[in-house]
């Protein structure tokens, strides 16, 4: 069994990140947008880790510092996805642990994850890792 390598994202990962975001998360996004976002990452506020297996980017996690006036600083998981062919191999867990380690290195003691109501398998995954659901909510978006 080939080892899973976790590393920080680099610009050459853009095409694989776009593919994973589209096929495994369901978000249509252009390659140029993904390249722009990777090149503008603010490492003081956020980080993206990729998991590589057999020379392929198999998944990624995007985390950020999340501050509110009413709770301690948390680490927010903005995105976590693993390609279907690489699921059930420990890659998702390794990515979450990388995000948690980044949080600890930045003095953050809480993790926060939002997951769509229909992503039942993802909910079970997070619960298996010790995450607890605290509330249901709706998300509202307005283009301005």
Protein backbone atom coordinates (compact mmCIF):
# COMPACT_ATOMS: atom_id res chain seq x y z
CA UNK A 1 0.00 0.00 0.00
CA UNK A 2 1.38 3.37 -1.04
CA UNK A 3 1.90 6.00 1.62
CA UNK A 4 -0.31 9.08 1.80
CA UNK A 5 1.69 12.30 1.75
CA UNK A 6 0.13 15.49 3.16
CA UNK A 7 1.66 18.78 2.08
CA UNK A 8 0.75 22.44 1.58
CA UNK A 9 -0.90 23.28 -1.71
CA UNK A 10 1.11 24.75 -4.57
CA UNK A 11 -0.04 26.48 -7.77
CA UNK A 12 0.60 23.38 -9.91
CA UNK A 13 -2.23 21.62 -8.00
CA UNK A 14 -4.90 23.94 -9.45
CA UNK A 15 -6.24 21.62 -12.14
CA UNK A 16 -6.64 18.68 -9.76
CA UNK A 17 -8.23 20.91 -7.09
CA UNK A 18 -10.69 22.23 -9.69
CA UNK A 19 -11.56 18.66 -10.72
CA UNK A 20 -12.07 17.51 -7.11
CA UNK A 21 -14.16 20.59 -6.30
CA UNK A 22 -16.35 19.98 -9.34
CA UNK A 23 -16.70 16.19 -9.27
CA UNK A 24 -16.59 15.42 -5.55
CA UNK A 25 -18.00 18.58 -3.95
CA UNK A 26 -20.35 19.56 -6.77
CA UNK A 27 -19.09 23.14 -7.18
CA UNK A 28 -18.66 24.42 -10.72
CA UNK A 29 -15.57 26.58 -10.78
CA UNK A 30 -13.16 27.66 -13.48
CA UNK A 31 -9.51 26.74 -13.50
CA UNK A 32 -8.60 30.44 -13.59
CA UNK A 33 -10.62 31.07 -10.42
CA UNK A 34 -8.92 28.18 -8.58
CA UNK A 35 -5.49 29.40 -9.74
CA UNK A 36 -6.30 32.94 -8.56
CA UNK A 37 -7.47 31.68 -5.16
CA UNK A 38 -4.38 29.48 -4.66
CA UNK A 39 -2.06 32.34 -5.60
CA UNK A 40 -3.78 34.75 -3.20
CA UNK A 41 -3.87 32.53 -0.10
CA UNK A 42 -3.11 34.48 3.09
CA UNK A 43 -1.12 31.96 5.15
CA UNK A 44 -1.60 34.07 8.29
CA UNK A 45 -5.34 33.45 8.03
CA UNK A 46 -5.79 30.24 6.05
CA UNK A 47 -4.10 27.14 4.70
CA UNK A 48 -4.80 24.40 2.18
CA UNK A 49 -3.32 20.94 2.52
CA UNK A 50 -3.39 18.33 -0.22
CA UNK A 51 -3.14 14.58 0.13
CA UNK A 52 -1.06 12.79 -2.50
CA UNK A 53 -1.18 9.09 -3.19
CA UNK A 54 0.50 7.33 -6.10
CA UNK A 55 1.64 10.71 -7.47
CA UNK A 56 -1.91 12.04 -7.65
CA UNK A 57 -3.64 14.76 -5.62
CA UNK A 58 -6.29 12.59 -3.99
CA UNK A 59 -7.94 15.24 -1.83
CA UNK A 60 -7.63 18.54 -0.04
CA UNK A 61 -8.70 20.48 3.03
CA UNK A 62 -9.02 24.27 3.21
CA UNK A 63 -9.03 25.75 6.72
CA UNK A 64 -9.18 29.29 8.05
CA UNK A 65 -9.14 31.16 11.32
CA UNK A 66 -12.73 32.01 12.25
CA UNK A 67 -13.44 34.78 14.74
CA UNK A 68 -16.67 35.98 16.23
CA UNK A 69 -17.38 38.33 19.12
CA UNK A 70 -19.20 35.62 21.07
CA UNK A 71 -16.87 32.59 20.97
CA UNK A 72 -13.17 31.80 21.09
CA UNK A 73 -11.30 31.72 17.80
CA UNK A 74 -12.06 28.56 15.85
CA UNK A 75 -10.60 26.85 12.83
CA UNK A 76 -13.25 26.68 10.11
CA UNK A 77 -13.12 23.93 7.50
CA UNK A 78 -14.01 25.71 4.27
CA UNK A 79 -13.68 22.63 2.13
CA UNK A 80 -12.76 18.97 2.47
CA UNK A 81 -12.94 16.54 -0.43
CA UNK A 82 -11.39 13.24 -1.46
CA UNK A 83 -11.67 11.80 -4.97
CA UNK A 84 -14.11 8.89 -5.12
CA UNK A 85 -11.37 6.44 -6.19
CA UNK A 86 -9.37 7.30 -3.06
CA UNK A 87 -12.13 7.27 -0.44
CA UNK A 88 -12.10 4.80 2.48
CA UNK A 89 -8.28 4.84 2.59
CA UNK A 90 -7.74 7.20 5.54
CA UNK A 91 -7.09 10.23 3.35
CA UNK A 92 -9.99 12.30 4.71
CA UNK A 93 -8.92 11.58 8.27
CA UNK A 94 -5.30 12.49 7.47
CA UNK A 95 -6.45 15.79 5.96
CA UNK A 96 -8.64 16.63 8.95
CA UNK A 97 -5.71 15.88 11.27
CA UNK A 98 -3.52 18.21 9.18
CA UNK A 99 -6.16 20.94 9.60
CA UNK A 100 -6.39 20.27 13.33
CA UNK A 101 -2.58 20.41 13.65
CA UNK A 102 -2.52 23.74 11.80
CA UNK A 103 -5.14 25.04 14.22
CA UNK A 104 -3.11 23.92 17.25
CA UNK A 105 0.05 25.49 15.80
CA UNK A 106 -1.90 28.75 15.56
CA UNK A 107 -3.19 28.57 19.15
CA UNK A 108 -6.71 27.53 18.15
CA UNK A 109 -8.55 24.99 20.29
CA UNK A 110 -11.83 24.54 18.41
CA UNK A 111 -12.68 23.19 14.97
CA UNK A 112 -15.85 24.17 13.07
CA UNK A 113 -17.38 22.36 10.11
CA UNK A 114 -20.51 23.12 8.13
CA UNK A 115 -21.87 20.25 6.06
CA UNK A 116 -24.89 20.28 3.75
CA UNK A 117 -27.96 18.47 5.08
CA UNK A 118 -27.87 15.95 2.22
CA UNK A 119 -24.25 14.90 2.84
CA UNK A 120 -25.15 12.08 5.23
CA UNK A 121 -21.93 10.12 4.62
CA UNK A 122 -19.89 13.23 5.47
CA UNK A 123 -21.86 13.67 8.69
CA UNK A 124 -21.02 10.09 9.73
CA UNK A 125 -17.37 10.69 8.84
CA UNK A 126 -17.15 13.79 11.05
CA UNK A 127 -18.97 12.07 13.91
CA UNK A 128 -16.53 9.15 13.65
CA UNK A 129 -13.70 11.68 14.14
CA UNK A 130 -15.33 13.07 17.30
CA UNK A 131 -17.19 16.05 15.86
CA UNK A 132 -20.64 16.74 17.28
CA UNK A 133 -23.54 18.41 15.51
CA UNK A 134 -24.73 21.42 17.48
CA UNK A 135 -27.44 22.96 15.29
CA UNK A 136 -29.16 23.00 11.93
CA UNK A 137 -29.21 26.19 9.94
CA UNK A 138 -30.00 27.68 6.56
CA UNK A 139 -27.52 29.54 4.40
CA UNK A 140 -28.64 32.69 2.58
CA UNK A 141 -26.70 34.19 -0.34
CA UNK A 142 -27.34 37.34 -2.32
CA UNK A 143 -25.29 38.49 -5.29
CA UNK A 144 -24.57 42.20 -4.95
